[in-house]
Amino acid sequence: MTKVVAATLAIALLALACGSSEGSVPLLTGVSKLVGDGPGCYTNSATGLLTVDATYGTAVTDEIMLTVTGTMPPPVPVMWRRGFTAHRDGSEVAVTDRNGSVVAVTGHRFIIEGGYAGGDLISPEVPVGVFYACGSVTLLP
């Protein structure tokens, strides 16, 4: 019995040390047909609050649209470049780039370089009206 408890404890400690996949979050990633998978990006940006999206991982409420339309738009799913991942950070979602560096955490305001795309510009399974984040991500005060 003691060996079973010790083995179970060892496995649990190993899982903690290596990181658990329970904290990972599904994240919408892909490639825009207009930009490709290279260093290029759209010449637009979204400025606003990055929020948790239960389906796509993250969404942004673009404050620029408020100045254009006069009403606050609903959050739009953010599609990040391939290789980006996300994990839970308390009640928030942290987005990491291909190198494992955290580039954004929900609950904060950012300027995210990229552009609106969807449909045949991305792929049929991507919802129309995503914001494709393909450039720098700047935390706002």
C-alpha atoms as a PDB file:
ATOM      1  CA  MET A   1       0.000   0.000   0.000  1.00  0.00           C
ATOM      2  CA  THR A   2       2.826   2.396   0.896  1.00  0.00           C
ATOM      3  CA  LYS A   3       4.461   1.802  -2.509  1.00  0.00           C
ATOM      4  CA  VAL A   4       1.215   2.702  -4.296  1.00  0.00           C
ATOM      5  CA  VAL A   5       0.885   5.940  -2.315  1.00  0.00           C
ATOM      6  CA  ALA A   6       4.549   6.793  -2.943  1.00  0.00           C
ATOM      7  CA  ALA A   7       4.193   6.072  -6.673  1.00  0.00           C
ATOM      8  CA  THR A   8       1.028   8.182  -6.898  1.00  0.00           C
ATOM      9  CA  LEU A   9       2.729  11.042  -5.064  1.00  0.00           C
ATOM     10  CA  ALA A  10       5.766  10.820  -7.354  1.00  0.00           C
ATOM     11  CA  ILE A  11       3.579  10.968 -10.463  1.00  0.00           C
ATOM     12  CA  ALA A  12       1.658  13.955  -9.078  1.00  0.00           C
ATOM     13  CA  LEU A  13       4.886  15.817  -8.255  1.00  0.00           C
ATOM     14  CA  LEU A  14       6.302  15.043 -11.696  1.00  0.00           C
ATOM     15  CA  ALA A  15       3.146  16.425 -13.334  1.00  0.00           C
ATOM     16  CA  LEU A  16       3.462  19.613 -11.264  1.00  0.00           C
ATOM     17  CA  ALA A  17       7.137  20.018 -12.119  1.00  0.00           C
ATOM     18  CA  CYS A  18       6.587  19.504 -15.842  1.00  0.00           C
ATOM     19  CA  GLY A  19       3.457  21.611 -16.016  1.00  0.00           C
ATOM     20  CA  SER A  20      -0.014  20.286 -16.442  1.00  0.00           C
ATOM     21  CA  SER A  21      -2.052  20.502 -19.640  1.00  0.00           C
ATOM     22  CA  GLU A  22      -5.118  21.246 -17.487  1.00  0.00           C
ATOM     23  CA  GLY A  23      -4.144  24.927 -17.611  1.00  0.00           C
ATOM     24  CA  SER A  24      -3.954  25.061 -21.400  1.00  0.00           C
ATOM     25  CA  VAL A  25      -6.667  26.940 -23.251  1.00  0.00           C
ATOM     26  CA  PRO A  26      -7.841  26.401 -26.840  1.00  0.00           C
ATOM     27  CA  LEU A  27      -6.608  29.321 -28.932  1.00  0.00           C
ATOM     28  CA  LEU A  28      -7.670  30.301 -32.438  1.00  0.00           C
ATOM     29  CA  THR A  29      -4.530  30.286 -34.595  1.00  0.00           C
ATOM     30  CA  GLY A  30      -3.894  30.210 -38.308  1.00  0.00           C
ATOM     31  CA  VAL A  31      -2.590  32.038 -41.346  1.00  0.00           C
ATOM     32  CA  SER A  32      -4.140  34.807 -43.400  1.00  0.00           C
ATOM     33  CA  LYS A  33      -3.956  34.177 -47.145  1.00  0.00           C
ATOM     34  CA  LEU A  34      -3.165  37.852 -47.697  1.00  0.00           C
ATOM     35  CA  VAL A  35      -0.296  37.961 -45.198  1.00  0.00           C
ATOM     36  CA  GLY A  36       1.020  34.398 -45.291  1.00  0.00           C
ATOM     37  CA  ASP A  37       3.164  32.851 -42.581  1.00  0.00           C
ATOM     38  CA  GLY A  38       6.076  35.264 -42.968  1.00  0.00           C
ATOM     39  CA  PRO A  39       6.932  38.455 -41.103  1.00  0.00           C
ATOM     40  CA  GLY A  40       4.402  40.627 -42.975  1.00  0.00           C
ATOM     41  CA  CYS A  41       1.232  41.973 -41.400  1.00  0.00           C
ATOM     42  CA  TYR A  42      -1.809  44.097 -42.146  1.00  0.00           C
ATOM     43  CA  THR A  43      -1.352  47.845 -41.664  1.00  0.00           C
ATOM     44  CA  ASN A  44      -4.260  48.114 -39.237  1.00  0.00           C
ATOM     45  CA  SER A  45      -4.633  47.550 -35.504  1.00  0.00           C
ATOM     46  CA  ALA A  46      -7.205  46.985 -32.796  1.00  0.00           C
ATOM     47  CA  THR A  47      -7.047  49.054 -29.622  1.00  0.00           C
ATOM     48  CA  GLY A  48      -8.955  47.865 -26.617  1.00  0.00           C
ATOM     49  CA  LEU A  49      -9.637  45.339 -23.907  1.00  0.00           C
ATOM     50  CA  LEU A  50      -8.544  41.761 -24.537  1.00  0.00           C
ATOM     51  CA  THR A  51     -11.053  39.369 -22.979  1.00  0.00           C
ATOM     52  CA  VAL A  52     -11.474  35.637 -22.478  1.00  0.00           C
ATOM     53  CA  ASP A  53     -13.515  33.947 -25.205  1.00  0.00           C
ATOM     54  CA  ALA A  54     -14.848  30.509 -24.260  1.00  0.00           C
ATOM     55  CA  THR A  55     -14.685  29.238 -27.853  1.00  0.00           C
ATOM     56  CA  TYR A  56     -11.648  30.941 -29.393  1.00  0.00           C
ATOM     57  CA  GLY A  57      -9.476  31.754 -26.367  1.00  0.00           C
ATOM     58  CA  THR A  58      -9.356  35.538 -26.702  1.00  0.00           C
ATOM     59  CA  ALA A  59     -11.418  38.394 -28.103  1.00  0.00           C
ATOM     60  CA  VAL A  60     -10.860  42.124 -28.404  1.00  0.00           C
ATOM     61  CA  THR A  61     -13.300  44.997 -28.018  1.00  0.00           C
ATOM     62  CA  ASP A  62     -11.928  47.501 -30.516  1.00  0.00           C
ATOM     63  CA  GLU A  63     -12.339  51.008 -29.082  1.00  0.00           C
ATOM     64  CA  ILE A  64     -11.493  52.503 -32.485  1.00  0.00           C
ATOM     65  CA  MET A  65     -14.856  51.194 -33.725  1.00  0.00           C
ATOM     66  CA  LEU A  66     -16.540  53.186 -30.944  1.00  0.00           C
ATOM     67  CA  THR A  67     -15.192  56.405 -32.428  1.00  0.00           C
ATOM     68  CA  VAL A  68     -16.316  55.335 -35.917  1.00  0.00           C
ATOM     69  CA  THR A  69     -19.815  54.045 -35.113  1.00  0.00           C
ATOM     70  CA  GLY A  70     -20.639  55.836 -31.853  1.00  0.00           C
ATOM     71  CA  THR A  71     -21.457  52.570 -30.077  1.00  0.00           C
ATOM     72  CA  MET A  72     -19.206  50.050 -28.374  1.00  0.00           C
ATOM     73  CA  PRO A  73     -18.937  46.997 -30.627  1.00  0.00           C
ATOM     74  CA  PRO A  74     -19.139  43.443 -29.299  1.00  0.00           C
ATOM     75  CA  PRO A  75     -15.872  41.588 -28.689  1.00  0.00           C
ATOM     76  CA  VAL A  76     -14.372  40.005 -31.824  1.00  0.00           C
ATOM     77  CA  PRO A  77     -12.414  36.726 -31.660  1.00  0.00           C
ATOM     78  CA  VAL A  78      -8.664  37.173 -32.087  1.00  0.00           C
ATOM     79  CA  MET A  79      -6.811  34.771 -34.363  1.00  0.00           C
ATOM     80  CA  TRP A  80      -3.105  34.578 -33.537  1.00  0.00           C
ATOM     81  CA  ARG A  81      -0.322  33.314 -35.801  1.00  0.00           C
ATOM     82  CA  ARG A  82       0.372  29.583 -35.954  1.00  0.00           C
ATOM     83  CA  GLY A  83       2.539  28.392 -33.079  1.00  0.00           C
ATOM     84  CA  PHE A  84       0.994  30.740 -30.501  1.00  0.00           C
ATOM     85  CA  THR A  85      -0.546  29.036 -27.471  1.00  0.00           C
ATOM     86  CA  ALA A  86      -2.557  30.024 -24.423  1.00  0.00           C
ATOM     87  CA  HIS A  87      -2.820  28.947 -20.809  1.00  0.00           C
ATOM     88  CA  ARG A  88      -4.803  29.916 -17.741  1.00  0.00           C
ATOM     89  CA  ASP A  89      -3.356  32.645 -15.535  1.00  0.00           C
ATOM     90  CA  GLY A  90      -5.830  32.661 -12.648  1.00  0.00           C
ATOM     91  CA  SER A  91      -9.143  33.711 -14.191  1.00  0.00           C
ATOM     92  CA  GLU A  92      -7.358  35.241 -17.199  1.00  0.00           C
ATOM     93  CA  VAL A  93      -5.799  33.758 -20.340  1.00  0.00           C
ATOM     94  CA  ALA A  94      -2.134  34.362 -21.162  1.00  0.00           C
ATOM     95  CA  VAL A  95      -1.087  34.180 -24.831  1.00  0.00           C
ATOM     96  CA  THR A  96       2.453  33.028 -25.614  1.00  0.00           C
ATOM     97  CA  ASP A  97       4.355  33.394 -28.873  1.00  0.00           C
ATOM     98  CA  ARG A  98       6.339  30.698 -30.705  1.00  0.00           C
ATOM     99  CA  ASN A  99       9.284  31.274 -28.349  1.00  0.00           C
ATOM    100  CA  GLY A 100       7.162  30.771 -25.232  1.00  0.00           C
ATOM    101  CA  SER A 101       7.163  34.467 -24.257  1.00  0.00           C
ATOM    102  CA  VAL A 102       3.895  35.880 -22.927  1.00  0.00           C
ATOM    103  CA  VAL A 103       2.704  38.579 -25.350  1.00  0.00           C
ATOM    104  CA  ALA A 104      -0.720  39.345 -23.879  1.00  0.00           C
ATOM    105  CA  VAL A 105      -2.955  38.588 -20.910  1.00  0.00           C
ATOM    106  CA  THR A 106      -6.705  39.093 -20.976  1.00  0.00           C
ATOM    107  CA  GLY A 107      -8.121  41.737 -18.675  1.00  0.00           C
ATOM    108  CA  HIS A 108      -5.723  44.375 -20.047  1.00  0.00           C
ATOM    109  CA  ARG A 109      -5.918  46.916 -22.861  1.00  0.00           C
ATOM    110  CA  PHE A 110      -3.601  46.541 -25.841  1.00  0.00           C
ATOM    111  CA  ILE A 111      -2.799  47.875 -29.262  1.00  0.00           C
ATOM    112  CA  ILE A 112      -2.638  44.753 -31.417  1.00  0.00           C
ATOM    113  CA  GLU A 113      -1.272  45.098 -34.938  1.00  0.00           C
ATOM    114  CA  GLY A 114      -3.190  43.120 -37.527  1.00  0.00           C
ATOM    115  CA  GLY A 115      -6.441  43.329 -39.415  1.00  0.00           C
ATOM    116  CA  TYR A 116      -9.973  42.070 -39.696  1.00  0.00           C
ATOM    117  CA  ALA A 117     -10.321  38.954 -41.824  1.00  0.00           C
ATOM    118  CA  GLY A 118     -12.302  35.773 -42.155  1.00  0.00           C
ATOM    119  CA  GLY A 119     -14.092  33.574 -44.615  1.00  0.00           C
ATOM    120  CA  ASP A 120     -12.043  32.878 -47.739  1.00  0.00           C
ATOM    121  CA  LEU A 121      -9.196  35.133 -46.529  1.00  0.00           C
ATOM    122  CA  ILE A 122      -8.413  32.639 -43.756  1.00  0.00           C
ATOM    123  CA  SER A 123     -10.230  29.311 -44.090  1.00  0.00           C
ATOM    124  CA  PRO A 124     -13.859  28.176 -44.123  1.00  0.00           C
ATOM    125  CA  GLU A 125     -13.864  27.027 -40.469  1.00  0.00           C
ATOM    126  CA  VAL A 126     -12.754  30.434 -39.142  1.00  0.00           C
ATOM    127  CA  PRO A 127     -15.623  32.715 -38.154  1.00  0.00           C
ATOM    128  CA  VAL A 128     -16.126  35.792 -40.283  1.00  0.00           C
ATOM    129  CA  GLY A 129     -15.028  38.912 -38.464  1.00  0.00           C
ATOM    130  CA  VAL A 130     -11.984  37.682 -36.582  1.00  0.00           C
ATOM    131  CA  PHE A 131      -9.156  40.053 -35.831  1.00  0.00           C
ATOM    132  CA  TYR A 132      -5.931  38.526 -37.174  1.00  0.00           C
ATOM    133  CA  ALA A 133      -3.093  39.444 -34.793  1.00  0.00           C
ATOM    134  CA  CYS A 134       0.061  39.312 -36.891  1.00  0.00           C
ATOM    135  CA  GLY A 135       2.205  42.177 -35.586  1.00  0.00           C
ATOM    136  CA  SER A 136       3.334  43.640 -32.308  1.00  0.00           C
ATOM    137  CA  VAL A 137       1.193  43.637 -29.174  1.00  0.00           C
ATOM    138  CA  THR A 138       1.595  46.717 -26.968  1.00  0.00           C
ATOM    139  CA  LEU A 139       0.241  46.942 -23.428  1.00  0.00           C
ATOM    140  CA  LEU A 140      -1.609  50.209 -22.745  1.00  0.00           C
ATOM    141  CA  PRO A 141      -1.488  52.016 -19.395  1.00  0.00           C
END
